[in-house]
Protein backbone atom coordinates (compact mmCIF):
# COMPACT_ATOMS: atom_id res chain seq x y z
CA MET A 1 77.26 51.79 78.16
CA SER A 2 80.83 52.47 77.86
CA TYR A 3 83.90 53.60 80.28
CA VAL A 4 86.24 55.73 79.85
CA SER A 5 89.26 56.78 82.01
CA TYR A 6 90.24 60.82 82.46
CA GLN A 7 93.58 61.60 83.62
CA LYS A 8 95.61 64.42 84.49
CA ASN A 9 99.09 64.21 85.44
CA ASP A 10 99.44 61.30 87.81
CA VAL A 11 96.04 60.87 88.71
CA ARG A 12 92.75 59.73 86.87
CA VAL A 13 88.93 58.97 87.49
CA VAL A 14 86.49 56.97 85.62
CA LEU A 15 83.35 57.43 83.99
CA GLY A 16 80.52 55.05 83.04
CA ALA A 17 78.00 56.65 80.86
CA ASP A 18 76.30 56.24 77.02
CA GLU A 19 78.27 57.20 74.61
CA SER A 20 76.15 60.47 74.13
CA ILE A 21 77.31 61.47 77.59
CA GLN A 22 81.09 60.23 76.73
CA ASN A 23 81.28 62.07 73.60
CA LEU A 24 79.86 65.32 75.30
CA VAL A 25 82.36 65.22 78.20
CA ILE A 26 85.25 64.30 76.17
CA SER A 27 84.94 67.05 73.78
CA LYS A 28 84.48 69.45 76.89
CA VAL A 29 87.81 68.16 78.75
CA HIS A 30 90.10 68.75 75.62
CA PRO A 31 93.06 69.72 75.66
CA TYR A 32 93.35 69.33 79.49
CA ILE A 33 92.73 66.02 80.16
CA ASP A 34 93.62 62.51 78.46
CA CYS A 35 91.05 60.41 77.82
CA SER A 36 91.16 56.51 76.99
CA LYS A 37 88.50 54.22 76.69
CA LEU A 38 88.29 51.00 78.55
CA THR A 39 86.59 47.44 77.97
CA GLU A 40 84.93 47.16 81.32
CA ARG A 41 84.27 48.74 84.71
CA HIS A 42 87.27 49.16 86.61
CA GLU A 43 87.51 47.68 89.93
CA GLY A 44 90.21 49.51 92.61
CA ASP A 45 91.32 52.32 94.32
CA VAL A 46 89.63 54.64 91.57
CA TRP A 47 86.97 57.06 91.73
CA THR A 48 84.23 56.12 89.47
CA ILE A 49 81.24 58.36 88.28
CA LEU A 50 78.25 56.60 86.83
CA THR A 51 74.99 57.86 85.28
CA SER A 52 71.45 57.09 86.63
CA GLU A 53 71.10 53.56 84.45
CA TYR A 54 73.59 52.09 86.89
CA ALA A 55 71.79 53.46 90.23
CA GLN A 56 69.57 50.25 91.08
CA GLU A 57 72.47 47.88 90.01
CA ILE A 58 75.03 49.75 92.32
CA GLN A 59 72.43 50.14 95.06
CA LYS A 60 71.90 45.94 95.12
CA GLU A 61 75.74 45.87 95.61
CA ILE A 62 76.13 48.48 98.30
CA PRO A 63 74.01 51.10 100.54
CA LEU A 64 74.49 54.48 98.80
CA GLU A 65 73.81 58.04 100.47
CA GLU A 66 72.06 60.85 98.56
CA VAL A 67 72.70 64.21 98.20
CA PHE A 68 70.56 67.41 96.40
CA TYR A 69 71.58 70.47 94.76
CA GLU A 70 69.49 73.52 93.67
CA THR A 71 70.77 75.73 91.48
CA LYS A 72 69.47 78.84 89.90
CA MET A 73 68.97 77.88 85.98
CA GLU A 74 69.71 74.05 86.35
CA PRO A 75 67.48 71.00 86.57
CA ARG A 76 67.84 69.61 90.22
CA CYS A 77 70.82 67.62 90.81
CA ARG A 78 70.60 64.13 92.89
CA TYR A 79 73.86 62.35 93.42
CA LEU A 80 73.94 58.83 95.03
CA TYR A 81 77.52 58.26 96.59
CA HIS A 82 79.65 55.72 98.64
CA GLY A 83 82.99 57.19 99.88
CA GLU A 84 84.69 54.66 100.89
CA LYS A 85 84.11 52.70 97.62
CA LYS A 86 84.72 55.66 95.91
CA VAL A 87 81.61 55.73 93.70
CA ILE A 88 78.99 58.58 92.65
CA VAL A 89 76.11 58.02 90.59
CA ILE A 90 74.40 60.99 89.17
CA ASP A 91 70.74 59.77 89.41
CA GLU A 92 69.66 63.17 88.37
CA PRO A 93 69.25 65.26 85.97
CA LYS A 94 68.53 62.68 83.06
CA ASP A 95 68.73 65.32 80.42
CA VAL A 96 71.72 64.16 78.20
CA ARG A 97 73.33 67.72 78.29
CA TRP A 98 73.03 68.41 81.73
CA ALA A 99 74.32 64.83 82.58
CA ALA A 100 77.24 65.29 80.82
CA GLN A 101 77.72 68.82 82.37
CA HIS A 102 77.44 67.32 86.03
CA ALA A 103 79.86 64.28 85.08
CA LEU A 104 82.38 67.04 83.71
CA ARG A 105 81.90 68.67 86.92
CA LEU A 106 82.63 65.90 88.92
CA ILE A 107 85.53 64.94 87.09
CA ARG A 108 87.22 68.27 87.33
CA VAL A 109 86.69 68.25 91.18
CA LEU A 110 87.99 65.13 91.70
CA LEU A 111 91.23 65.26 89.96
CA ARG A 112 91.75 68.47 91.54
CA LEU A 113 91.55 67.14 94.61
CA LEU A 114 93.45 64.55 93.87
CA CYS A 115 96.38 66.84 92.36
CA TYR A 116 96.77 68.30 96.07
CA GLN A 117 98.99 64.93 96.37
CA ASP A 118 101.22 66.37 93.54
CA GLY A 119 101.51 69.36 95.15
CA LEU A 120 99.09 71.47 93.50
CA ILE A 121 98.24 75.12 95.14
CA TYR A 122 94.86 76.96 93.37
CA LEU A 123 94.45 80.28 93.01
CA HIS A 124 91.18 82.36 91.92
CA GLY A 125 92.59 83.49 88.68
CA GLY A 126 93.19 83.18 85.00
CA MET A 127 96.68 82.56 82.57
CA MET A 128 97.71 83.14 79.28
CA GLU A 129 100.50 83.26 77.35
CA MET A 130 102.08 85.91 75.03
CA ASN A 131 105.57 86.37 73.65
CA GLN A 132 106.61 83.40 75.07
CA LYS A 133 105.87 84.50 78.49
CA GLY A 134 103.24 83.59 81.07
CA ILE A 135 101.04 86.01 83.15
CA ALA A 136 98.72 84.84 85.39
CA LEU A 137 95.55 87.13 86.25
CA VAL A 138 94.78 86.95 90.10
CA GLY A 139 91.52 88.25 91.99
CA GLY A 140 87.83 87.90 92.84
CA SER A 141 84.64 87.82 91.10
CA ARG A 142 84.37 90.66 88.83
CA ALA A 143 87.96 92.22 89.14
CA GLY A 144 88.27 92.15 85.65
CA LYS A 145 89.93 88.80 84.82
CA THR A 146 87.66 87.45 81.97
CA SER A 147 87.50 90.83 80.41
CA THR A 148 91.42 91.32 80.11
CA ILE A 149 91.53 87.76 78.85
CA LEU A 150 88.86 88.19 76.09
CA SER A 151 90.92 91.46 75.40
CA LEU A 152 94.02 90.05 75.01
CA LEU A 153 92.59 87.08 72.77
CA SER A 154 90.57 89.92 70.77
CA LEU A 155 93.37 92.04 70.45
CA THR A 156 96.83 90.04 70.35
CA ASP A 157 98.07 86.68 69.46
CA ALA A 158 97.69 85.84 73.09
CA ARG A 159 97.22 81.92 73.96
CA TYR A 160 94.69 80.98 76.43
CA ILE A 161 95.59 78.88 79.39
CA THR A 162 92.68 78.97 81.88
CA ASN A 163 90.12 81.56 83.07
CA ASP A 164 89.09 81.20 86.59
CA ASP A 165 91.23 78.50 88.36
CA ILE A 166 95.16 78.01 88.43
CA GLY A 167 96.47 75.02 89.73
CA VAL A 168 100.20 76.52 90.74
CA SER A 169 103.15 74.09 91.23
CA TYR A 170 107.09 74.74 91.61
CA THR A 171 109.71 72.26 89.98
CA ASN A 172 113.01 72.73 88.57
CA THR A 173 113.07 76.32 90.06
CA GLU A 174 110.07 77.62 88.02
CA TYR A 175 106.52 77.96 88.64
CA THR A 176 103.99 76.38 86.54
CA GLY A 177 100.34 77.41 85.96
CA THR A 178 98.05 74.64 85.03
CA GLY A 179 94.36 75.58 83.31
CA TRP A 180 91.28 72.80 83.81
CA PRO A 181 88.20 72.57 81.57
CA ARG A 182 85.96 74.86 82.67
CA SER A 183 83.53 77.04 81.14
CA MET A 184 84.20 80.77 80.75
CA SER A 185 81.53 83.27 81.84
CA ILE A 186 81.25 86.15 79.71
CA ARG A 187 79.18 89.18 80.44
CA LYS A 188 77.24 90.20 77.52
CA ASP A 189 78.07 93.89 77.86
CA SER A 190 81.87 92.56 76.85
CA PHE A 191 80.87 92.14 73.66
CA GLU A 192 80.52 95.74 73.38
CA ALA A 193 83.33 96.84 75.10
CA ILE A 194 85.75 94.71 73.03
CA GLU A 195 84.59 95.47 69.46
CA LYS A 196 86.67 92.64 67.91
CA LEU A 197 84.86 90.40 70.35
CA GLY A 198 81.40 90.41 69.13
CA THR A 199 80.26 88.51 66.08
CA SER A 200 76.78 86.61 65.86
CA TYR A 201 78.91 83.18 64.28
CA ARG A 202 80.44 83.29 68.01
CA LEU A 203 77.23 83.70 69.96
CA GLN A 204 75.53 80.73 67.89
CA THR A 205 78.61 78.24 68.28
CA SER A 206 78.08 78.25 71.94
CA SER A 207 76.93 75.07 73.51
CA HIS A 208 76.36 75.59 76.98
CA PRO A 209 73.03 74.84 78.39
CA PHE A 210 73.11 78.13 80.55
CA ASN A 211 73.20 80.16 77.12
CA GLU A 212 69.40 78.72 76.75
CA ASP A 213 68.12 80.65 79.77
CA ASP A 214 70.77 83.50 81.07
CA LYS A 215 70.41 87.01 79.64
CA SER A 216 73.42 88.77 81.41
CA TYR A 217 76.18 86.26 80.24
CA HIS A 218 77.30 84.00 77.60
CA PHE A 219 79.24 80.76 78.41
CA VAL A 220 81.94 79.54 76.37
CA TYR A 221 83.84 76.19 76.68
CA PRO A 222 87.56 76.09 76.09
CA GLU A 223 87.28 73.96 72.90
CA GLU A 224 85.11 76.79 71.58
CA LEU A 225 87.54 79.67 72.22
CA GLU A 226 89.62 77.68 69.77
CA LYS A 227 87.43 78.11 67.18
CA TRP A 228 86.46 81.61 68.01
CA PHE A 229 90.14 82.84 68.13
CA SER A 230 91.54 80.00 65.38
CA ARG A 231 94.25 79.46 67.91
CA GLU A 232 94.86 76.15 70.32
CA VAL A 233 94.35 76.74 74.09
CA LYS A 234 97.40 75.23 75.78
CA THR A 235 97.04 73.15 78.88
CA LYS A 236 99.75 75.07 81.19
CA GLY A 237 102.91 77.40 81.14
CA LYS A 238 105.56 78.91 82.85
CA ILE A 239 104.50 81.68 85.30
CA ASP A 240 106.58 84.62 84.40
CA VAL A 241 104.43 87.57 85.89
CA ILE A 242 101.57 87.89 88.29
CA VAL A 243 99.25 90.78 87.75
CA PHE A 244 96.26 91.81 89.72
CA PRO A 245 93.48 93.41 87.84
CA GLU A 246 90.81 95.78 89.32
CA PHE A 247 88.19 97.97 87.82
CA LEU A 248 88.21 101.84 88.10
CA PRO A 249 85.14 103.10 89.84
CA HIS A 250 82.32 103.76 87.39
CA GLY A 251 82.48 106.94 85.06
CA GLN A 252 86.58 106.96 85.36
CA THR A 253 88.32 105.99 82.24
CA GLY A 254 91.92 105.33 81.18
CA ALA A 255 94.44 102.10 82.69
CA GLU A 256 97.36 102.20 84.75
CA ILE A 257 99.81 99.05 85.92
CA LEU A 258 102.26 99.32 88.76
CA LYS A 259 104.60 97.06 90.30
CA ILE A 260 103.55 96.02 94.04
CA THR A 261 106.23 94.93 96.64
CA PRO A 262 106.11 90.96 97.23
CA GLU A 263 104.81 91.41 100.78
CA GLU A 264 101.76 92.95 99.25
CA ALA A 265 101.44 90.39 96.54
CA ALA A 266 101.29 87.73 99.09
CA GLU A 267 98.84 89.30 101.19
CA ARG A 268 96.63 89.47 97.72
CA LEU A 269 97.88 85.94 96.98
CA LYS A 270 96.83 84.49 100.33
CA GLN A 271 93.34 86.63 99.72
CA HIS A 272 92.68 84.58 96.54
CA ALA A 273 93.95 81.38 97.37
CA VAL A 274 91.52 78.31 96.94
CA ILE A 275 91.29 75.97 99.86
CA ASN A 276 88.41 73.61 98.25
CA PRO A 277 88.56 73.75 94.71
CA GLY A 278 85.09 73.20 93.41
CA ARG A 279 81.34 73.87 94.68
CA HIS A 280 78.62 71.10 95.39
CA ASN A 281 81.12 68.86 96.55
CA GLU A 282 81.11 68.94 100.17
CA PHE A 283 80.03 65.50 100.61
CA LEU A 284 83.38 64.58 99.03
CA LEU A 285 85.41 66.31 101.40
CA PRO A 286 85.93 64.03 104.27
CA TYR A 287 87.58 61.55 102.07
CA PHE A 288 90.16 64.43 100.82
CA THR A 289 93.14 66.11 103.11
CA LEU A 290 92.89 69.87 102.27
CA PRO A 291 95.41 72.53 103.30
CA THR A 292 94.70 75.16 105.86
CA PRO A 293 95.61 78.64 104.99
CA GLU A 294 98.51 78.54 107.31
CA GLU A 295 99.93 75.68 105.40
CA LEU A 296 99.61 77.46 102.26
CA GLU A 297 101.45 80.81 103.34
CA PRO A 298 104.94 79.49 102.61
CA PHE A 299 104.41 78.79 98.94
CA LEU A 300 102.65 81.76 98.33
CA ASN A 301 105.05 84.16 100.18
CA ALA A 302 108.00 82.37 98.12
CA LEU A 303 105.54 82.77 94.81
CA ALA A 304 105.30 86.52 95.46
CA GLU A 305 109.12 86.87 96.06
CA LYS A 306 110.37 85.37 93.23
CA VAL A 307 107.83 86.37 90.53
CA PRO A 308 107.43 90.26 89.80
CA CYS A 309 104.05 91.11 90.33
CA TYR A 310 102.01 94.46 89.21
CA SER A 311 98.45 96.02 90.07
CA LEU A 312 96.42 96.55 86.79
CA LYS A 313 93.64 99.13 87.16
CA GLN A 314 91.40 99.91 84.12
CA ALA A 315 87.83 101.24 83.16
CA PHE A 316 85.76 98.74 81.58
CA THR A 317 85.69 100.92 78.81
CA SER A 318 89.21 101.17 78.36
CA LEU A 319 90.33 97.52 77.96
CA GLU A 320 92.02 98.19 75.24
CA LYS A 321 94.68 100.48 76.82
CA GLY A 322 95.11 97.48 79.33
CA THR A 323 95.88 95.31 76.82
CA VAL A 324 98.78 97.64 75.63
CA LEU A 325 100.09 97.87 78.89
CA ILE A 326 100.24 94.38 79.41
CA GLN A 327 101.88 93.89 75.95
CA GLU A 328 104.55 96.70 76.78
CA LEU A 329 105.02 94.82 80.52
CA LEU A 330 105.53 91.54 78.65
CA GLU A 331 107.88 92.91 76.20
CA GLN A 332 110.55 94.05 78.80
CA SER A 333 113.80 91.88 78.62
CA ASP A 334 114.11 92.23 82.21
CA ILE A 335 110.89 90.82 83.21
CA VAL A 336 111.82 87.78 84.78
CA VAL A 337 113.40 88.50 87.91
């Protein structure tokens, strides 16, 4: 058994697991989370995640509650936990790859919950950096965030920061977007819509366990995106512009980008603010304090006022056109207001 501390900003959690699981998790959290090996199990006020080998040992020390989750295409999940003692045991699944995947999810969600105390606010959106300017792409599911990010990666020298969950903070008069270790879910037809994206090498070098069963989507970890596009992933960046993408109705073509008012932008940001930064984590929520939508409003209103916001409407068949419009937008010298 080995123990590793996983830290982001000023908060951390500890994972106790076999080397095989630790190595997988360490590779998947790269480059967003700092990892350091510990000589022994940590005792103290730190959330600790343990794999199934520890279940009987821990149950002898403290009574554990259990929670089950059933998810399509995944083996059954069973967690044992003690919230006051800040201990979670991944009792199922046993398979190394799936145990590592659950460890990664728990590390991510615990750190995100803990980062609320550092003032992070979460948005449903992705983020890129191009021309030394950061662009946040905010929107709901199937709005075109991932497709736009992939088009930017394939057709420009843009740098990837995050795909589906931005942590936003405000310090020193600027807004910063922080990325998280999370796989990207790619529609299979994206490989046809973005000609430069599709290569057999890329499909063959993706290690997510979902790829064995899912026929409609392909899942890629950030470390694999680095290899796909031969450029390093960034962990965070200044937010210079916010774009709200949406797909045009089926059958329409083309793309257009229009500036929207701070009032409209604020309403859109409120729609896509994330209160609970995770899923299958309901058993953890009693041990954390989450903000209310009303408490987030002043932050989101100020963000919409201080950062220029745009609406991008594009056809799925016109992603290249949308990419050109974003390039032209970021080349404007007066974009930062």
